[in-house]
Amino acid sequence: IAAEAGASLTQNDQVLTMQSIDPLEAWLFLPDTMWGQLHTGQQVRFRAGKPVEAELIGTVKTIDKVIDSASSTFRCVFTIENPESELPAGFSVFLTWPQK
C-alpha cells in the first residue's frame, strides 16, 4: 500500500500495487553447456531453498537466444504453479534436472 489512511491524493497518485503469485516465475542463468537441452513447455525439477525446502515442478516459459560471452550463460524463465498461493514469492530455486 503506497498511501497512508486519510492522505490527500490526486488521480495520478499510486494507492497500492497488486501482485499475482500464481504462477511464480524463476529466472535462472544456466551454463552454455546446457544450451539445447531445454525447450519451451518442458517440465523440470527444482530444489527450493528456505523457507520452502521442497522439490517443485516447473515449466520452461522462455529461453533467451543470446549466450553471454563474459559468463558463458544464457537466461531461462520458468513458471511454478502456485494455485493456492501456499508458496511465498522470493525464495531461491536450483534446477536439479529436466523431468523426463
N, C-alpha and C. Protein backbone atom coordinates (compact mmCIF):
# COMPACT_ATOMS: atom_id res chain seq x y z
N ILE A 1 0.86 -1.17 0.00
CA ILE A 1 0.00 0.00 0.00
C ILE A 1 0.90 1.22 0.00
N ALA A 2 0.70 2.09 -0.98
CA ALA A 2 1.60 3.22 -1.17
C ALA A 2 1.10 4.51 -0.53
N ALA A 3 -0.09 4.50 0.06
CA ALA A 3 -0.64 5.72 0.66
C ALA A 3 -1.13 5.42 2.07
N GLU A 4 -0.99 6.39 2.94
CA GLU A 4 -1.47 6.28 4.32
C GLU A 4 -2.97 6.56 4.37
N ALA A 5 -3.65 5.95 5.32
CA ALA A 5 -5.08 6.22 5.50
C ALA A 5 -5.28 7.70 5.80
N GLY A 6 -6.21 8.32 5.10
CA GLY A 6 -6.51 9.73 5.31
C GLY A 6 -5.66 10.69 4.52
N ALA A 7 -4.68 10.19 3.77
CA ALA A 7 -3.80 11.06 2.98
C ALA A 7 -4.56 11.67 1.81
N SER A 8 -4.18 12.89 1.44
CA SER A 8 -4.76 13.55 0.26
C SER A 8 -4.06 13.02 -0.98
N LEU A 9 -4.84 12.59 -1.95
CA LEU A 9 -4.28 12.02 -3.18
C LEU A 9 -4.88 12.69 -4.40
N THR A 10 -4.11 12.68 -5.47
CA THR A 10 -4.64 13.13 -6.76
C THR A 10 -4.95 11.89 -7.59
N GLN A 11 -5.54 12.09 -8.75
CA GLN A 11 -5.85 10.96 -9.62
C GLN A 11 -4.59 10.26 -10.13
N ASN A 12 -3.46 10.94 -10.10
CA ASN A 12 -2.21 10.37 -10.60
C ASN A 12 -1.40 9.66 -9.52
N ASP A 13 -1.79 9.76 -8.26
CA ASP A 13 -1.06 9.12 -7.17
C ASP A 13 -1.35 7.62 -7.12
N GLN A 14 -0.30 6.86 -6.89
CA GLN A 14 -0.46 5.42 -6.76
C GLN A 14 -0.94 5.10 -5.35
N VAL A 15 -2.01 4.32 -5.23
CA VAL A 15 -2.57 3.99 -3.93
C VAL A 15 -2.02 2.65 -3.46
N LEU A 16 -1.96 1.66 -4.34
CA LEU A 16 -1.43 0.35 -3.97
C LEU A 16 -0.91 -0.35 -5.20
N THR A 17 -0.10 -1.36 -4.97
CA THR A 17 0.41 -2.21 -6.03
C THR A 17 -0.06 -3.63 -5.75
N MET A 18 -0.63 -4.27 -6.73
CA MET A 18 -1.08 -5.65 -6.57
C MET A 18 -0.12 -6.57 -7.31
N GLN A 19 0.05 -7.75 -6.78
CA GLN A 19 0.96 -8.70 -7.40
C GLN A 19 0.33 -10.08 -7.41
N SER A 20 0.45 -10.77 -8.51
CA SER A 20 -0.04 -12.14 -8.61
C SER A 20 1.12 -13.08 -8.34
N ILE A 21 0.89 -14.08 -7.50
CA ILE A 21 1.95 -15.06 -7.24
C ILE A 21 1.55 -16.45 -7.72
N ASP A 22 0.63 -16.50 -8.70
CA ASP A 22 0.30 -17.75 -9.36
C ASP A 22 0.17 -17.50 -10.84
N PRO A 23 1.08 -17.98 -11.63
CA PRO A 23 2.24 -18.77 -11.23
C PRO A 23 3.40 -17.87 -10.78
N LEU A 24 4.33 -18.50 -10.08
CA LEU A 24 5.59 -17.83 -9.74
C LEU A 24 6.51 -17.94 -10.95
N GLU A 25 7.44 -17.01 -11.09
CA GLU A 25 8.45 -17.09 -12.15
C GLU A 25 9.83 -17.21 -11.52
N ALA A 26 10.64 -18.07 -12.09
CA ALA A 26 12.03 -18.22 -11.67
C ALA A 26 12.91 -17.92 -12.87
N TRP A 27 13.84 -16.98 -12.71
CA TRP A 27 14.80 -16.63 -13.76
C TRP A 27 16.12 -17.25 -13.39
N LEU A 28 16.63 -18.12 -14.22
CA LEU A 28 17.92 -18.76 -13.96
C LEU A 28 18.86 -18.49 -15.11
N PHE A 29 20.13 -18.27 -14.78
CA PHE A 29 21.18 -18.14 -15.78
C PHE A 29 21.93 -19.46 -15.80
N LEU A 30 21.78 -20.19 -16.88
CA LEU A 30 22.31 -21.54 -16.99
C LEU A 30 23.60 -21.55 -17.81
N PRO A 31 24.49 -22.51 -17.53
CA PRO A 31 25.75 -22.59 -18.29
C PRO A 31 25.50 -22.94 -19.75
N ASP A 32 26.35 -22.44 -20.62
CA ASP A 32 26.18 -22.70 -22.05
C ASP A 32 26.23 -24.17 -22.40
N THR A 33 26.77 -24.99 -21.53
CA THR A 33 26.80 -26.44 -21.76
C THR A 33 25.40 -27.05 -21.75
N MET A 34 24.42 -26.32 -21.19
CA MET A 34 23.04 -26.80 -21.17
C MET A 34 22.25 -26.33 -22.38
N TRP A 35 22.87 -25.51 -23.26
CA TRP A 35 22.19 -24.99 -24.43
C TRP A 35 21.67 -26.16 -25.27
N GLY A 36 20.43 -26.13 -25.65
CA GLY A 36 19.83 -27.17 -26.49
C GLY A 36 19.22 -28.32 -25.70
N GLN A 37 19.42 -28.35 -24.39
CA GLN A 37 18.87 -29.44 -23.57
C GLN A 37 17.46 -29.15 -23.07
N LEU A 38 17.05 -27.89 -23.12
CA LEU A 38 15.73 -27.49 -22.65
C LEU A 38 14.92 -26.94 -23.82
N HIS A 39 13.60 -27.06 -23.73
CA HIS A 39 12.75 -26.46 -24.74
C HIS A 39 11.49 -25.89 -24.06
N THR A 40 10.91 -24.89 -24.68
CA THR A 40 9.73 -24.24 -24.15
C THR A 40 8.62 -25.27 -23.92
N GLY A 41 7.99 -25.20 -22.75
CA GLY A 41 6.92 -26.13 -22.39
C GLY A 41 7.39 -27.37 -21.65
N GLN A 42 8.68 -27.60 -21.62
CA GLN A 42 9.24 -28.77 -20.94
C GLN A 42 9.10 -28.62 -19.43
N GLN A 43 8.78 -29.72 -18.74
CA GLN A 43 8.74 -29.70 -17.29
C GLN A 43 10.10 -30.05 -16.73
N VAL A 44 10.47 -29.35 -15.64
CA VAL A 44 11.75 -29.55 -14.98
C VAL A 44 11.54 -29.64 -13.48
N ARG A 45 12.55 -30.17 -12.79
CA ARG A 45 12.51 -30.27 -11.33
C ARG A 45 13.41 -29.21 -10.72
N PHE A 46 12.94 -28.64 -9.62
CA PHE A 46 13.71 -27.68 -8.84
C PHE A 46 13.83 -28.17 -7.41
N ARG A 47 14.91 -27.79 -6.77
CA ARG A 47 15.03 -27.92 -5.32
C ARG A 47 14.87 -26.51 -4.79
N ALA A 48 13.88 -26.31 -3.93
CA ALA A 48 13.60 -24.98 -3.39
C ALA A 48 14.39 -24.76 -2.12
N GLY A 49 14.93 -23.55 -1.97
CA GLY A 49 15.65 -23.16 -0.76
C GLY A 49 14.70 -22.79 0.37
N LYS A 50 15.28 -22.25 1.44
CA LYS A 50 14.48 -21.85 2.60
C LYS A 50 13.55 -20.72 2.21
N PRO A 51 12.38 -20.62 2.75
CA PRO A 51 11.77 -21.46 3.77
C PRO A 51 10.99 -22.64 3.20
N VAL A 52 10.97 -22.80 1.88
CA VAL A 52 10.15 -23.85 1.26
C VAL A 52 10.78 -25.22 1.43
N GLU A 53 12.04 -25.37 1.05
CA GLU A 53 12.80 -26.62 1.18
C GLU A 53 12.01 -27.85 0.73
N ALA A 54 11.68 -27.86 -0.57
CA ALA A 54 10.93 -28.97 -1.15
C ALA A 54 11.32 -29.11 -2.61
N GLU A 55 10.96 -30.24 -3.20
CA GLU A 55 11.13 -30.42 -4.63
C GLU A 55 9.89 -29.86 -5.31
N LEU A 56 10.09 -29.09 -6.37
CA LEU A 56 9.00 -28.48 -7.11
C LEU A 56 9.13 -28.80 -8.59
N ILE A 57 8.02 -28.78 -9.27
CA ILE A 57 8.00 -28.97 -10.72
C ILE A 57 7.71 -27.61 -11.36
N GLY A 58 8.46 -27.29 -12.37
CA GLY A 58 8.25 -26.05 -13.11
C GLY A 58 8.19 -26.32 -14.59
N THR A 59 7.88 -25.30 -15.35
CA THR A 59 7.76 -25.40 -16.80
C THR A 59 8.62 -24.32 -17.44
N VAL A 60 9.35 -24.68 -18.50
CA VAL A 60 10.16 -23.70 -19.22
C VAL A 60 9.22 -22.75 -19.96
N LYS A 61 9.32 -21.46 -19.63
CA LYS A 61 8.49 -20.44 -20.27
C LYS A 61 9.20 -19.83 -21.47
N THR A 62 10.44 -19.36 -21.25
CA THR A 62 11.22 -18.77 -22.34
C THR A 62 12.69 -19.14 -22.18
N ILE A 63 13.37 -19.18 -23.31
CA ILE A 63 14.81 -19.40 -23.34
C ILE A 63 15.39 -18.29 -24.20
N ASP A 64 16.27 -17.48 -23.60
CA ASP A 64 16.89 -16.41 -24.37
C ASP A 64 17.75 -17.00 -25.49
N LYS A 65 17.78 -16.33 -26.60
CA LYS A 65 18.55 -16.77 -27.77
C LYS A 65 19.96 -16.22 -27.79
N VAL A 66 20.37 -15.60 -26.68
CA VAL A 66 21.70 -14.99 -26.60
C VAL A 66 22.47 -15.62 -25.45
N ILE A 67 23.69 -16.06 -25.73
CA ILE A 67 24.58 -16.54 -24.68
C ILE A 67 25.52 -15.40 -24.33
N ASP A 68 25.61 -15.08 -23.04
CA ASP A 68 26.51 -14.01 -22.59
C ASP A 68 27.94 -14.53 -22.65
N SER A 69 28.76 -13.90 -23.47
CA SER A 69 30.12 -14.39 -23.67
C SER A 69 31.00 -14.22 -22.43
N ALA A 70 30.72 -13.22 -21.61
CA ALA A 70 31.54 -12.99 -20.41
C ALA A 70 31.32 -14.07 -19.36
N SER A 71 30.07 -14.52 -19.20
CA SER A 71 29.77 -15.51 -18.16
C SER A 71 29.50 -16.90 -18.73
N SER A 72 29.42 -17.01 -20.05
CA SER A 72 29.07 -18.27 -20.72
C SER A 72 27.76 -18.84 -20.19
N THR A 73 26.77 -17.95 -20.02
CA THR A 73 25.45 -18.37 -19.55
C THR A 73 24.37 -17.80 -20.46
N PHE A 74 23.19 -18.41 -20.36
CA PHE A 74 22.01 -17.90 -21.03
C PHE A 74 20.85 -17.94 -20.04
N ARG A 75 19.88 -17.04 -20.24
CA ARG A 75 18.78 -16.91 -19.30
C ARG A 75 17.59 -17.75 -19.72
N CYS A 76 17.01 -18.45 -18.74
CA CYS A 76 15.75 -19.18 -18.93
C CYS A 76 14.76 -18.69 -17.88
N VAL A 77 13.52 -18.55 -18.29
CA VAL A 77 12.45 -18.21 -17.36
C VAL A 77 11.56 -19.43 -17.22
N PHE A 78 11.28 -19.79 -15.98
CA PHE A 78 10.45 -20.95 -15.66
C PHE A 78 9.23 -20.48 -14.88
N THR A 79 8.12 -21.20 -14.99
CA THR A 79 6.97 -20.92 -14.16
C THR A 79 6.75 -22.09 -13.20
N ILE A 80 6.29 -21.74 -12.00
CA ILE A 80 5.97 -22.73 -10.98
C ILE A 80 4.54 -22.45 -10.55
N GLU A 81 3.66 -23.42 -10.77
CA GLU A 81 2.25 -23.24 -10.41
C GLU A 81 2.12 -23.06 -8.90
N ASN A 82 1.23 -22.15 -8.50
CA ASN A 82 1.03 -21.83 -7.09
C ASN A 82 -0.45 -21.45 -6.88
N PRO A 83 -1.38 -22.36 -7.25
CA PRO A 83 -2.81 -22.00 -7.27
C PRO A 83 -3.39 -21.63 -5.92
N GLU A 84 -2.88 -22.18 -4.86
CA GLU A 84 -3.39 -21.87 -3.51
C GLU A 84 -2.57 -20.79 -2.83
N SER A 85 -1.59 -20.23 -3.55
CA SER A 85 -0.69 -19.20 -3.01
C SER A 85 0.00 -19.66 -1.73
N GLU A 86 0.30 -20.95 -1.65
CA GLU A 86 1.00 -21.50 -0.48
C GLU A 86 2.48 -21.17 -0.50
N LEU A 87 3.05 -20.99 -1.70
CA LEU A 87 4.47 -20.67 -1.81
C LEU A 87 4.66 -19.16 -1.78
N PRO A 88 5.61 -18.68 -0.98
CA PRO A 88 5.86 -17.23 -0.96
C PRO A 88 6.70 -16.83 -2.17
N ALA A 89 6.60 -15.60 -2.57
CA ALA A 89 7.47 -15.09 -3.63
C ALA A 89 8.84 -14.80 -3.04
N GLY A 90 9.89 -15.00 -3.81
CA GLY A 90 11.22 -14.59 -3.39
C GLY A 90 12.15 -15.67 -2.88
N PHE A 91 11.70 -16.92 -2.78
CA PHE A 91 12.61 -17.97 -2.32
C PHE A 91 13.50 -18.42 -3.48
N SER A 92 14.63 -19.03 -3.17
CA SER A 92 15.55 -19.47 -4.21
C SER A 92 15.20 -20.87 -4.71
N VAL A 93 15.54 -21.13 -5.97
CA VAL A 93 15.35 -22.47 -6.53
C VAL A 93 16.62 -22.85 -7.29
N PHE A 94 16.86 -24.13 -7.33
CA PHE A 94 18.01 -24.69 -8.03
C PHE A 94 17.52 -25.77 -8.97
N LEU A 95 17.87 -25.66 -10.24
CA LEU A 95 17.47 -26.64 -11.23
C LEU A 95 18.18 -27.96 -10.93
N THR A 96 17.40 -29.03 -10.74
CA THR A 96 18.03 -30.33 -10.46
C THR A 96 18.23 -31.13 -11.75
N TRP A 97 17.28 -31.10 -12.64
CA TRP A 97 17.43 -31.68 -13.98
C TRP A 97 16.07 -31.73 -14.64
N PRO A 98 16.05 -31.68 -15.95
CA PRO A 98 14.76 -31.79 -16.63
C PRO A 98 14.07 -33.10 -16.31
N GLN A 99 12.75 -33.03 -16.17
CA GLN A 99 11.95 -34.22 -15.90
C GLN A 99 11.67 -34.91 -17.22
N LYS A 100 11.80 -36.20 -17.25
CA LYS A 100 11.59 -36.97 -18.48
C LYS A 100 10.10 -37.14 -18.73
